[in-house]
Amino acid sequence: MNRPTHFLCNSTLAVHRNSSELSSLLLAITGINVASSITATLGNALILVAFHKETSLNAPSKLLLRCLAISDICVGLVVQPLLVTLLLAAVDHRWNFCQVAERLWYSSSTPMAGFSLATSLAISIDRLLELSLGIRYRQVVTMRRARFFVAMFSLFSIGNCVTELLHSFPFLVYSASIWALCLVTSVCCYTRIYLILRNHIQAQVIPQGQQNGISSLNLSRYKKTVSTALWVFAVLMICYLPFGLVLLVQTMLSELTQPILIISFFALIPVYLNSSLNPLLHYWKIREVRHAVKETLKNFGFRR
């Protein structure tokens, strides 16, 4: 069974990797990743500055959003440049250097993907807790606990990378299990939020057991934060799904073919594009962030 790495520089692809068509496609993918790397880095840097200026969000919620932005910056600054390096090494037929670059790229890409997925899950749970706990939210969801869970996300991401280094089958089982868990849990959280809000709006009363809870929330602002979190979660799932399916196919095949190889790298485009889309979602959905970004750009001389 093939390992999920070295699927570009593996010696079994000697017949295919010298193809001029493959080289042209790899150059095209390289150009897309260079552009995406720049937008991911600059866009998320602006979002981090905006979060620093924005004061309406709760500190734990802001910490999770910052972690997501930092993860996306790491994708733009580290992961994508490594991918560009290995693609150029493959085009230039520098196979030894290509294998080293591919190992470094995959070892950095896997933890970042896992961290982003775990952070997205934590954001959905955080939104549900704010609605369910009401005024007790600030007592239960503290910065200390939020930092603890961020540390757990980091360990989970490292664990995901370790399983990939050991063997492809444990990596596949581990990744699929975590992906399914995050997907089901997030869907349950957003479904529960929808049901609570719908019942509250229909009854126009405070739900039983929620005294001083939901009525104390600014529902309009809360709905916007939930909408933002839901958009981020949905876009992440849509962007990661193609490569997840391709990775599954790669792991099950005994030998890679050129079509699968090409599809693999095209499936990576939406994965890394997600890091450029997240700051756009925050800019679009959070008014305070939008104003802070505009003010920052004005300070740098970008005026209408």
C-alpha atoms as a PDB file:
ATOM      1  CA  MET A   1       0.000   0.000   0.000  1.00  0.00           C
ATOM      2  CA  ASN A   2       1.386   3.407  -0.982  1.00  0.00           C
ATOM      3  CA  ARG A   3       2.288   6.064   1.478  1.00  0.00           C
ATOM      4  CA  PRO A   4       0.398   9.335   0.994  1.00  0.00           C
ATOM      5  CA  THR A   5       3.668  11.191   0.526  1.00  0.00           C
ATOM      6  CA  HIS A   6       6.186  11.020  -2.335  1.00  0.00           C
ATOM      7  CA  PHE A   7       3.348  10.650  -4.818  1.00  0.00           C
ATOM      8  CA  LEU A   8       5.103  13.154  -7.083  1.00  0.00           C
ATOM      9  CA  CYS A   9       8.739  12.157  -6.546  1.00  0.00           C
ATOM     10  CA  ASN A  10       8.265   8.416  -6.164  1.00  0.00           C
ATOM     11  CA  SER A  11      10.440   6.296  -8.440  1.00  0.00           C
ATOM     12  CA  THR A  12       7.350   4.392  -9.633  1.00  0.00           C
ATOM     13  CA  LEU A  13       6.372   7.493 -11.609  1.00  0.00           C
ATOM     14  CA  ALA A  14       9.561   7.589 -13.684  1.00  0.00           C
ATOM     15  CA  VAL A  15       7.652   7.008 -16.907  1.00  0.00           C
ATOM     16  CA  HIS A  16       5.115   9.751 -16.251  1.00  0.00           C
ATOM     17  CA  ARG A  17       7.047  12.489 -14.496  1.00  0.00           C
ATOM     18  CA  ASN A  18       9.084  13.398 -17.577  1.00  0.00           C
ATOM     19  CA  SER A  19       5.916  14.174 -19.499  1.00  0.00           C
ATOM     20  CA  SER A  20       5.846  17.696 -20.951  1.00  0.00           C
ATOM     21  CA  GLU A  21       2.098  17.891 -20.331  1.00  0.00           C
ATOM     22  CA  LEU A  22       2.649  17.063 -16.672  1.00  0.00           C
ATOM     23  CA  SER A  23       5.364  19.728 -16.421  1.00  0.00           C
ATOM     24  CA  SER A  24       3.032  22.339 -17.915  1.00  0.00           C
ATOM     25  CA  LEU A  25       0.273  21.441 -15.470  1.00  0.00           C
ATOM     26  CA  LEU A  26       2.669  21.569 -12.534  1.00  0.00           C
ATOM     27  CA  LEU A  27       3.835  25.027 -13.611  1.00  0.00           C
ATOM     28  CA  ALA A  28       0.223  26.183 -13.801  1.00  0.00           C
ATOM     29  CA  ILE A  29      -0.444  24.835 -10.316  1.00  0.00           C
ATOM     30  CA  THR A  30       2.743  26.534  -9.131  1.00  0.00           C
ATOM     31  CA  GLY A  31       1.539  29.909 -10.385  1.00  0.00           C
ATOM     32  CA  ILE A  32      -1.845  29.484  -8.684  1.00  0.00           C
ATOM     33  CA  ASN A  33      -0.159  28.612  -5.384  1.00  0.00           C
ATOM     34  CA  VAL A  34       2.192  31.591  -5.573  1.00  0.00           C
ATOM     35  CA  ALA A  35      -0.775  33.939  -5.965  1.00  0.00           C
ATOM     36  CA  SER A  36      -2.778  32.141  -3.276  1.00  0.00           C
ATOM     37  CA  SER A  37       0.180  32.239  -0.898  1.00  0.00           C
ATOM     38  CA  ILE A  38       0.412  36.023  -1.188  1.00  0.00           C
ATOM     39  CA  THR A  39      -3.311  36.603  -0.687  1.00  0.00           C
ATOM     40  CA  ALA A  40      -3.476  34.186   2.280  1.00  0.00           C
ATOM     41  CA  THR A  41      -0.551  35.867   4.026  1.00  0.00           C
ATOM     42  CA  LEU A  42      -1.626  39.474   3.472  1.00  0.00           C
ATOM     43  CA  GLY A  43      -5.338  38.818   3.999  1.00  0.00           C
ATOM     44  CA  ASN A  44      -4.923  37.012   7.304  1.00  0.00           C
ATOM     45  CA  ALA A  45      -2.347  39.538   8.520  1.00  0.00           C
ATOM     46  CA  LEU A  46      -4.981  42.244   8.026  1.00  0.00           C
ATOM     47  CA  ILE A  47      -7.552  40.132   9.852  1.00  0.00           C
ATOM     48  CA  LEU A  48      -5.203  39.678  12.816  1.00  0.00           C
ATOM     49  CA  VAL A  49      -4.742  43.444  13.015  1.00  0.00           C
ATOM     50  CA  ALA A  50      -8.520  43.882  12.840  1.00  0.00           C
ATOM     51  CA  PHE A  51      -9.084  41.371  15.650  1.00  0.00           C
ATOM     52  CA  HIS A  52      -6.585  43.298  17.769  1.00  0.00           C
ATOM     53  CA  LYS A  53      -8.618  46.484  17.304  1.00  0.00           C
ATOM     54  CA  GLU A  54     -12.044  44.841  17.573  1.00  0.00           C
ATOM     55  CA  THR A  55     -13.384  44.809  21.160  1.00  0.00           C
ATOM     56  CA  SER A  56     -16.950  43.488  20.868  1.00  0.00           C
ATOM     57  CA  LEU A  57     -15.986  39.798  20.644  1.00  0.00           C
ATOM     58  CA  ASN A  58     -15.458  37.726  23.769  1.00  0.00           C
ATOM     59  CA  ALA A  59     -11.798  37.019  24.489  1.00  0.00           C
ATOM     60  CA  PRO A  60     -12.052  33.196  24.089  1.00  0.00           C
ATOM     61  CA  SER A  61     -13.982  33.584  20.812  1.00  0.00           C
ATOM     62  CA  LYS A  62     -11.404  36.063  19.546  1.00  0.00           C
ATOM     63  CA  LEU A  63      -8.594  33.665  20.524  1.00  0.00           C
ATOM     64  CA  LEU A  64     -10.108  30.892  18.377  1.00  0.00           C
ATOM     65  CA  LEU A  65     -10.540  33.221  15.417  1.00  0.00           C
ATOM     66  CA  ARG A  66      -6.948  34.408  15.821  1.00  0.00           C
ATOM     67  CA  CYS A  67      -5.733  30.798  15.875  1.00  0.00           C
ATOM     68  CA  LEU A  68      -7.565  30.126  12.631  1.00  0.00           C
ATOM     69  CA  ALA A  69      -5.997  33.221  11.047  1.00  0.00           C
ATOM     70  CA  ILE A  70      -2.511  32.258  12.301  1.00  0.00           C
ATOM     71  CA  SER A  71      -2.969  28.769  10.849  1.00  0.00           C
ATOM     72  CA  ASP A  72      -3.915  30.303   7.509  1.00  0.00           C
ATOM     73  CA  ILE A  73      -0.875  32.593   7.620  1.00  0.00           C
ATOM     74  CA  CYS A  74       1.351  29.560   8.214  1.00  0.00           C
ATOM     75  CA  VAL A  75      -0.185  27.977   5.135  1.00  0.00           C
ATOM     76  CA  GLY A  76       0.694  31.053   3.075  1.00  0.00           C
ATOM     77  CA  LEU A  77       4.169  31.566   4.538  1.00  0.00           C
ATOM     78  CA  VAL A  78       5.374  27.973   4.973  1.00  0.00           C
ATOM     79  CA  VAL A  79       3.209  25.269   3.430  1.00  0.00           C
ATOM     80  CA  GLN A  80       2.588  26.782   0.009  1.00  0.00           C
ATOM     81  CA  PRO A  81       6.203  27.930  -0.550  1.00  0.00           C
ATOM     82  CA  LEU A  82       7.303  24.354   0.210  1.00  0.00           C
ATOM     83  CA  LEU A  83       4.756  23.041  -2.279  1.00  0.00           C
ATOM     84  CA  VAL A  84       5.999  25.510  -4.905  1.00  0.00           C
ATOM     85  CA  THR A  85       9.574  24.381  -4.195  1.00  0.00           C
ATOM     86  CA  LEU A  86       8.833  20.701  -4.725  1.00  0.00           C
ATOM     87  CA  LEU A  87       6.793  21.409  -7.877  1.00  0.00           C
ATOM     88  CA  LEU A  88       9.644  23.405  -9.388  1.00  0.00           C
ATOM     89  CA  ALA A  89      12.109  20.685  -8.357  1.00  0.00           C
ATOM     90  CA  ALA A  90       9.933  18.108 -10.130  1.00  0.00           C
ATOM     91  CA  VAL A  91       9.686  20.235 -13.272  1.00  0.00           C
ATOM     92  CA  ASP A  92      13.483  20.663 -13.213  1.00  0.00           C
ATOM     93  CA  HIS A  93      13.919  16.869 -12.687  1.00  0.00           C
ATOM     94  CA  ARG A  94      15.812  17.320  -9.395  1.00  0.00           C
ATOM     95  CA  TRP A  95      14.335  14.184  -7.860  1.00  0.00           C
ATOM     96  CA  ASN A  96      16.446  13.896  -4.698  1.00  0.00           C
ATOM     97  CA  PHE A  97      15.729  17.492  -3.742  1.00  0.00           C
ATOM     98  CA  CYS A  98      12.095  16.937  -4.750  1.00  0.00           C
ATOM     99  CA  GLN A  99      11.721  14.104  -2.220  1.00  0.00           C
ATOM    100  CA  VAL A 100      13.168  16.219   0.585  1.00  0.00           C
ATOM    101  CA  ALA A 101      10.888  19.144  -0.287  1.00  0.00           C
ATOM    102  CA  GLU A 102       7.880  16.860  -0.518  1.00  0.00           C
ATOM    103  CA  ARG A 103       8.545  15.397   2.910  1.00  0.00           C
ATOM    104  CA  LEU A 104       8.903  18.870   4.434  1.00  0.00           C
ATOM    105  CA  TRP A 105       5.785  20.062   2.653  1.00  0.00           C
ATOM    106  CA  TYR A 106       3.621  17.149   3.761  1.00  0.00           C
ATOM    107  CA  SER A 107       4.981  17.285   7.328  1.00  0.00           C
ATOM    108  CA  SER A 108       3.916  20.941   7.571  1.00  0.00           C
ATOM    109  CA  SER A 109       0.677  20.669   5.597  1.00  0.00           C
ATOM    110  CA  THR A 110      -0.813  17.826   7.646  1.00  0.00           C
ATOM    111  CA  PRO A 111      -0.601  19.592  11.051  1.00  0.00           C
ATOM    112  CA  MET A 112      -1.971  22.832   9.610  1.00  0.00           C
ATOM    113  CA  ALA A 113      -4.974  21.043   8.107  1.00  0.00           C
ATOM    114  CA  GLY A 114      -5.668  19.245  11.374  1.00  0.00           C
ATOM    115  CA  PHE A 115      -5.320  22.434  13.409  1.00  0.00           C
ATOM    116  CA  SER A 116      -7.707  24.342  11.127  1.00  0.00           C
ATOM    117  CA  LEU A 117     -10.270  21.551  11.332  1.00  0.00           C
ATOM    118  CA  ALA A 118     -10.068  21.361  15.136  1.00  0.00           C
ATOM    119  CA  THR A 119     -10.298  25.152  15.470  1.00  0.00           C
ATOM    120  CA  SER A 120     -13.377  25.254  13.253  1.00  0.00           C
ATOM    121  CA  LEU A 121     -14.972  22.610  15.477  1.00  0.00           C
ATOM    122  CA  ALA A 122     -14.116  24.614  18.601  1.00  0.00           C
ATOM    123  CA  ILE A 123     -15.698  27.738  17.121  1.00  0.00           C
ATOM    124  CA  SER A 124     -18.987  25.898  16.533  1.00  0.00           C
ATOM    125  CA  ILE A 125     -18.976  24.575  20.116  1.00  0.00           C
ATOM    126  CA  ASP A 126     -18.153  28.059  21.419  1.00  0.00           C
ATOM    127  CA  ARG A 127     -21.158  29.537  19.577  1.00  0.00           C
ATOM    128  CA  LEU A 128     -23.464  26.896  21.077  1.00  0.00           C
ATOM    129  CA  LEU A 129     -22.108  27.428  24.587  1.00  0.00           C
ATOM    130  CA  GLU A 130     -22.654  31.188  24.395  1.00  0.00           C
ATOM    131  CA  LEU A 131     -26.295  30.629  23.492  1.00  0.00           C
ATOM    132  CA  SER A 132     -26.906  27.794  25.950  1.00  0.00           C
ATOM    133  CA  LEU A 133     -25.076  29.189  28.982  1.00  0.00           C
ATOM    134  CA  GLY A 134     -26.164  32.811  28.698  1.00  0.00           C
ATOM    135  CA  ILE A 135     -24.674  34.910  31.489  1.00  0.00           C
ATOM    136  CA  ARG A 136     -22.756  31.856  32.771  1.00  0.00           C
ATOM    137  CA  TYR A 137     -20.790  31.755  29.510  1.00  0.00           C
ATOM    138  CA  ARG A 138     -18.019  34.066  30.755  1.00  0.00           C
ATOM    139  CA  GLN A 139     -17.635  31.968  33.913  1.00  0.00           C
ATOM    140  CA  VAL A 140     -17.437  28.632  32.087  1.00  0.00           C
ATOM    141  CA  VAL A 141     -15.586  29.597  28.896  1.00  0.00           C
ATOM    142  CA  THR A 142     -12.472  31.306  30.251  1.00  0.00           C
ATOM    143  CA  MET A 143      -9.242  32.254  28.518  1.00  0.00           C
ATOM    144  CA  ARG A 144      -7.373  29.645  30.528  1.00  0.00           C
ATOM    145  CA  ARG A 145      -9.632  26.884  29.276  1.00  0.00           C
ATOM    146  CA  ALA A 146      -9.568  28.246  25.746  1.00  0.00           C
ATOM    147  CA  ARG A 147      -5.743  28.221  25.743  1.00  0.00           C
ATOM    148  CA  PHE A 148      -5.804  24.653  27.077  1.00  0.00           C
ATOM    149  CA  PHE A 149      -7.961  23.496  24.172  1.00  0.00           C
ATOM    150  CA  VAL A 150      -5.748  25.322  21.691  1.00  0.00           C
ATOM    151  CA  ALA A 151      -2.814  23.362  23.121  1.00  0.00           C
ATOM    152  CA  MET A 152      -4.837  20.153  22.684  1.00  0.00           C
ATOM    153  CA  PHE A 153      -5.470  21.108  19.039  1.00  0.00           C
ATOM    154  CA  SER A 154      -1.737  21.423  18.538  1.00  0.00           C
ATOM    155  CA  LEU A 155      -1.110  17.975  20.022  1.00  0.00           C
ATOM    156  CA  PHE A 156      -3.866  16.515  17.853  1.00  0.00           C
ATOM    157  CA  SER A 157      -2.253  18.032  14.772  1.00  0.00           C
ATOM    158  CA  ILE A 158       1.140  16.612  15.719  1.00  0.00           C
ATOM    159  CA  GLY A 159      -0.476  13.213  16.298  1.00  0.00           C
ATOM    160  CA  ASN A 160      -1.982  13.357  12.846  1.00  0.00           C
ATOM    161  CA  CYS A 161       1.460  14.030  11.378  1.00  0.00           C
ATOM    162  CA  VAL A 162       3.036  11.183  13.391  1.00  0.00           C
ATOM    163  CA  THR A 163       0.505   8.651  12.087  1.00  0.00           C
ATOM    164  CA  GLU A 164       1.286   9.804   8.545  1.00  0.00           C
ATOM    165  CA  LEU A 165       4.996   9.203   9.148  1.00  0.00           C
ATOM    166  CA  LEU A 166       4.377   5.696  10.487  1.00  0.00           C
ATOM    167  CA  HIS A 167       2.165   4.218   7.800  1.00  0.00           C
ATOM    168  CA  SER A 168      -0.569   5.278   5.412  1.00  0.00           C
ATOM    169  CA  PHE A 169      -3.346   3.019   6.742  1.00  0.00           C
ATOM    170  CA  PRO A 170      -3.261   4.306  10.365  1.00  0.00           C
ATOM    171  CA  PHE A 171      -3.032   7.817   8.943  1.00  0.00           C
ATOM    172  CA  LEU A 172      -6.109   7.239   6.809  1.00  0.00           C
ATOM    173  CA  VAL A 173      -8.120   5.717   9.667  1.00  0.00           C
ATOM    174  CA  TYR A 174      -7.059   8.450  12.100  1.00  0.00           C
ATOM    175  CA  SER A 175      -7.767  11.276   9.660  1.00  0.00           C
ATOM    176  CA  ALA A 176     -11.111   9.841   8.546  1.00  0.00           C
ATOM    177  CA  SER A 177     -12.229   9.308  12.156  1.00  0.00           C
ATOM    178  CA  ILE A 178     -11.303  12.834  13.223  1.00  0.00           C
ATOM    179  CA  TRP A 179     -12.851  14.328  10.087  1.00  0.00           C
ATOM    180  CA  ALA A 180     -16.125  12.455  10.694  1.00  0.00           C
ATOM    181  CA  LEU A 181     -16.135  13.423  14.381  1.00  0.00           C
ATOM    182  CA  CYS A 182     -15.589  17.119  13.614  1.00  0.00           C
ATOM    183  CA  LEU A 183     -18.196  17.091  10.855  1.00  0.00           C
ATOM    184  CA  VAL A 184     -20.906  15.371  12.922  1.00  0.00           C
ATOM    185  CA  THR A 185     -20.205  17.448  16.048  1.00  0.00           C
ATOM    186  CA  SER A 186     -20.239  20.764  14.172  1.00  0.00           C
ATOM    187  CA  VAL A 187     -23.441  19.883  12.325  1.00  0.00           C
ATOM    188  CA  CYS A 188     -25.072  18.941  15.660  1.00  0.00           C
ATOM    189  CA  CYS A 189     -23.945  22.247  17.214  1.00  0.00           C
ATOM    190  CA  TYR A 190     -25.322  24.400  14.415  1.00  0.00           C
ATOM    191  CA  THR A 191     -28.543  22.367  14.308  1.00  0.00           C
ATOM    192  CA  ARG A 192     -28.984  22.859  18.049  1.00  0.00           C
ATOM    193  CA  ILE A 193     -28.336  26.597  17.697  1.00  0.00           C
ATOM    194  CA  TYR A 194     -30.919  26.823  14.910  1.00  0.00           C
ATOM    195  CA  LEU A 195     -33.550  24.984  16.976  1.00  0.00           C
ATOM    196  CA  ILE A 196     -32.983  27.142  20.074  1.00  0.00           C
ATOM    197  CA  LEU A 197     -33.203  30.373  18.095  1.00  0.00           C
ATOM    198  CA  ARG A 198     -36.268  29.199  16.163  1.00  0.00           C
ATOM    199  CA  ASN A 199     -38.109  28.189  19.321  1.00  0.00           C
ATOM    200  CA  HIS A 200     -37.201  31.438  21.010  1.00  0.00           C
ATOM    201  CA  ILE A 201     -38.366  33.560  18.095  1.00  0.00           C
ATOM    202  CA  GLN A 202     -41.621  31.627  17.685  1.00  0.00           C
ATOM    203  CA  ALA A 203     -42.494  31.682  21.374  1.00  0.00           C
ATOM    204  CA  GLN A 204     -41.176  35.190  21.974  1.00  0.00           C
ATOM    205  CA  VAL A 205     -40.370  34.117  25.520  1.00  0.00           C
ATOM    206  CA  ILE A 206     -37.238  33.061  27.337  1.00  0.00           C
ATOM    207  CA  PRO A 207     -36.850  29.275  27.047  1.00  0.00           C
ATOM    208  CA  GLN A 208     -37.322  27.360  30.250  1.00  0.00           C
ATOM    209  CA  GLY A 209     -34.100  27.199  32.206  1.00  0.00           C
ATOM    210  CA  GLN A 210     -32.616  30.113  30.224  1.00  0.00           C
ATOM    211  CA  GLN A 211     -33.573  32.967  32.565  1.00  0.00           C
ATOM    212  CA  ASN A 212     -31.098  35.793  32.237  1.00  0.00           C
ATOM    213  CA  GLY A 213     -29.561  33.693  29.458  1.00  0.00           C
ATOM    214  CA  ILE A 214     -30.723  34.136  25.905  1.00  0.00           C
ATOM    215  CA  SER A 215     -32.621  37.329  26.723  1.00  0.00           C
ATOM    216  CA  SER A 216     -29.367  38.984  27.765  1.00  0.00           C
ATOM    217  CA  LEU A 217     -27.753  38.301  24.413  1.00  0.00           C
ATOM    218  CA  ASN A 218     -27.748  40.705  21.549  1.00  0.00           C
ATOM    219  CA  LEU A 219     -29.498  38.295  19.206  1.00  0.00           C
ATOM    220  CA  SER A 220     -28.728  40.317  16.115  1.00  0.00           C
ATOM    221  CA  ARG A 221     -24.991  40.345  16.858  1.00  0.00           C
ATOM    222  CA  TYR A 222     -25.062  36.711  17.955  1.00  0.00           C
ATOM    223  CA  LYS A 223     -26.748  35.602  14.721  1.00  0.00           C
ATOM    224  CA  LYS A 224     -24.028  37.364  12.744  1.00  0.00           C
ATOM    225  CA  THR A 225     -21.250  35.569  14.643  1.00  0.00           C
ATOM    226  CA  VAL A 226     -23.036  32.237  14.141  1.00  0.00           C
ATOM    227  CA  SER A 227     -23.497  33.012  10.456  1.00  0.00           C
ATOM    228  CA  THR A 228     -19.778  33.790  10.127  1.00  0.00           C
ATOM    229  CA  ALA A 229     -18.764  30.586  11.925  1.00  0.00           C
ATOM    230  CA  LEU A 230     -21.146  28.534   9.801  1.00  0.00           C
ATOM    231  CA  TRP A 231     -19.775  30.033   6.579  1.00  0.00           C
ATOM    232  CA  VAL A 232     -16.179  29.337   7.680  1.00  0.00           C
ATOM    233  CA  PHE A 233     -17.067  25.745   8.562  1.00  0.00           C
ATOM    234  CA  ALA A 234     -18.981  25.116   5.328  1.00  0.00           C
ATOM    235  CA  VAL A 235     -16.262  26.612   3.120  1.00  0.00           C
ATOM    236  CA  LEU A 236     -13.576  24.590   4.917  1.00  0.00           C
ATOM    237  CA  MET A 237     -15.493  21.343   4.373  1.00  0.00           C
ATOM    238  CA  ILE A 238     -16.145  22.118   0.711  1.00  0.00           C
ATOM    239  CA  CYS A 239     -12.496  23.036   0.078  1.00  0.00           C
ATOM    240  CA  TYR A 240     -11.064  19.993   1.851  1.00  0.00           C
ATOM    241  CA  LEU A 241     -13.494  17.387   0.514  1.00  0.00           C
ATOM    242  CA  PRO A 242     -11.928  16.905  -2.975  1.00  0.00           C
ATOM    243  CA  PHE A 243      -8.430  16.258  -1.635  1.00  0.00           C
ATOM    244  CA  GLY A 244      -9.805  13.992   1.089  1.00  0.00           C
ATOM    245  CA  LEU A 245     -11.444  11.817  -1.552  1.00  0.00           C
ATOM    246  CA  VAL A 246      -8.295  11.801  -3.686  1.00  0.00           C
ATOM    247  CA  LEU A 247      -6.190  10.887  -0.647  1.00  0.00           C
ATOM    248  CA  LEU A 248      -8.515   7.960   0.005  1.00  0.00           C
ATOM    249  CA  VAL A 249      -8.116   6.751  -3.583  1.00  0.00           C
ATOM    250  CA  GLN A 250      -4.319   7.153  -3.420  1.00  0.00           C
ATOM    251  CA  THR A 251      -4.085   5.105  -0.267  1.00  0.00           C
ATOM    252  CA  MET A 252      -6.176   2.272  -1.703  1.00  0.00           C
ATOM    253  CA  LEU A 253      -4.298   2.032  -5.010  1.00  0.00           C
ATOM    254  CA  SER A 254      -1.263  -0.205  -5.322  1.00  0.00           C
ATOM    255  CA  GLU A 255       0.277   2.060  -7.973  1.00  0.00           C
ATOM    256  CA  LEU A 256      -0.284   5.682  -8.869  1.00  0.00           C
ATOM    257  CA  THR A 257      -1.139   6.766 -12.387  1.00  0.00           C
ATOM    258  CA  GLN A 258      -0.579  10.097 -14.092  1.00  0.00           C
ATOM    259  CA  PRO A 259      -4.309  11.063 -14.051  1.00  0.00           C
ATOM    260  CA  ILE A 260      -4.482  10.462 -10.284  1.00  0.00           C
ATOM    261  CA  LEU A 261      -1.282  12.448  -9.837  1.00  0.00           C
ATOM    262  CA  ILE A 262      -2.669  15.422 -11.754  1.00  0.00           C
ATOM    263  CA  ILE A 263      -6.013  15.272  -9.940  1.00  0.00           C
ATOM    264  CA  SER A 264      -4.136  15.204  -6.616  1.00  0.00           C
ATOM    265  CA  PHE A 265      -2.460  18.526  -7.216  1.00  0.00           C
ATOM    266  CA  PHE A 266      -5.578  20.148  -8.632  1.00  0.00           C
ATOM    267  CA  ALA A 267      -7.466  18.962  -5.541  1.00  0.00           C
ATOM    268  CA  LEU A 268      -4.892  20.816  -3.420  1.00  0.00           C
ATOM    269  CA  ILE A 269      -5.856  24.154  -4.977  1.00  0.00           C
ATOM    270  CA  PRO A 270      -9.148  24.562  -3.037  1.00  0.00           C
ATOM    271  CA  VAL A 271      -7.450  23.298   0.142  1.00  0.00           C
ATOM    272  CA  TYR A 272      -5.006  26.192   0.136  1.00  0.00           C
ATOM    273  CA  LEU A 273      -7.515  28.593  -1.362  1.00  0.00           C
ATOM    274  CA  ASN A 274      -9.462  28.155   1.875  1.00  0.00           C
ATOM    275  CA  SER A 275      -6.748  30.140   3.670  1.00  0.00           C
ATOM    276  CA  SER A 276      -7.425  33.067   1.322  1.00  0.00           C
ATOM    277  CA  LEU A 277     -11.203  32.775   1.600  1.00  0.00           C
ATOM    278  CA  ASN A 278     -11.375  32.887   5.411  1.00  0.00           C
ATOM    279  CA  PRO A 279     -10.264  36.537   5.729  1.00  0.00           C
ATOM    280  CA  LEU A 280     -12.771  37.483   3.030  1.00  0.00           C
ATOM    281  CA  LEU A 281     -15.534  35.782   5.033  1.00  0.00           C
ATOM    282  CA  HIS A 282     -14.555  37.647   8.191  1.00  0.00           C
ATOM    283  CA  TYR A 283     -14.405  40.919   6.277  1.00  0.00           C
ATOM    284  CA  TRP A 284     -17.802  40.287   4.715  1.00  0.00           C
ATOM    285  CA  LYS A 285     -19.683  39.007   7.766  1.00  0.00           C
ATOM    286  CA  ILE A 286     -18.242  41.012  10.701  1.00  0.00           C
ATOM    287  CA  ARG A 287     -18.854  44.732  10.414  1.00  0.00           C
ATOM    288  CA  GLU A 288     -16.330  45.693  13.111  1.00  0.00           C
ATOM    289  CA  VAL A 289     -13.626  43.687  11.371  1.00  0.00           C
ATOM    290  CA  ARG A 290     -14.514  45.342   8.061  1.00  0.00           C
ATOM    291  CA  HIS A 291     -14.163  48.804   9.587  1.00  0.00           C
ATOM    292  CA  ALA A 292     -10.861  47.890  11.257  1.00  0.00           C
ATOM    293  CA  VAL A 293      -9.444  46.546   7.979  1.00  0.00           C
ATOM    294  CA  LYS A 294     -10.475  49.712   6.138  1.00  0.00           C
ATOM    295  CA  GLU A 295      -8.869  51.849   8.827  1.00  0.00           C
ATOM    296  CA  THR A 296      -5.668  49.826   8.654  1.00  0.00           C
ATOM    297  CA  LEU A 297      -5.507  50.171   4.876  1.00  0.00           C
ATOM    298  CA  LYS A 298      -6.047  53.915   5.195  1.00  0.00           C
ATOM    299  CA  ASN A 299      -3.131  54.116   7.610  1.00  0.00           C
ATOM    300  CA  PHE A 300      -0.961  52.470   4.976  1.00  0.00           C
ATOM    301  CA  GLY A 301      -2.027  55.002   2.382  1.00  0.00           C
ATOM    302  CA  PHE A 302      -4.756  53.010   0.604  1.00  0.00           C
ATOM    303  CA  ARG A 303      -7.569  55.548   0.288  1.00  0.00           C
ATOM    304  CA  ARG A 304     -10.546  55.730  -1.996  1.00  0.00           C
END
